[in-house]
Amino acid sequence: MLLKTIFTQERINALLAALVLIGIALVLVGVWRYVDAAQRLQGNLALEVQQGDTEFDVSTPEQAQGLMASDIQKRRLERQQNEALVAGGIGLGTLALGWILNDAVRSRRRTKAATPVEEAT
């Protein structure tokens, strides 16, 4: 009886709606962070040198430090992209779980409502 008072229909609906909304928010944050990192990676000198698009002569210590700093930034942005993919995947999983559970709960309620109650005779 205690569980029935704790988990009322309204609370279950609110919990499942929150699960769906959290999933949507995680997907949106993941997409935003991935796109942000991809745009910031476009002009990265270390990435251009690594891909062979740009010739870079390291003749002074300042140029070497600049390339090293660019490489550190490239690695951070790539890590941000990886984390964004993970967040988006978790968001999709959370969204799917909330949606499936919500559908199951509604289906169960419809089945109970459609089943006639037999009177004890």
Foldseek 3Di string as FASTA:
>chain_A
DVVCVVDDPVNLVVVLVVLLVQLVVLLVQLVVQLVVLVVVLPPQPLVCVVVVNDDDDDPDPVSVVSNVVSVVSNVVSVVSNVVSVVSNVVSVVSNVVSVVVVVVVVVVVVVVVPDDDDDDD
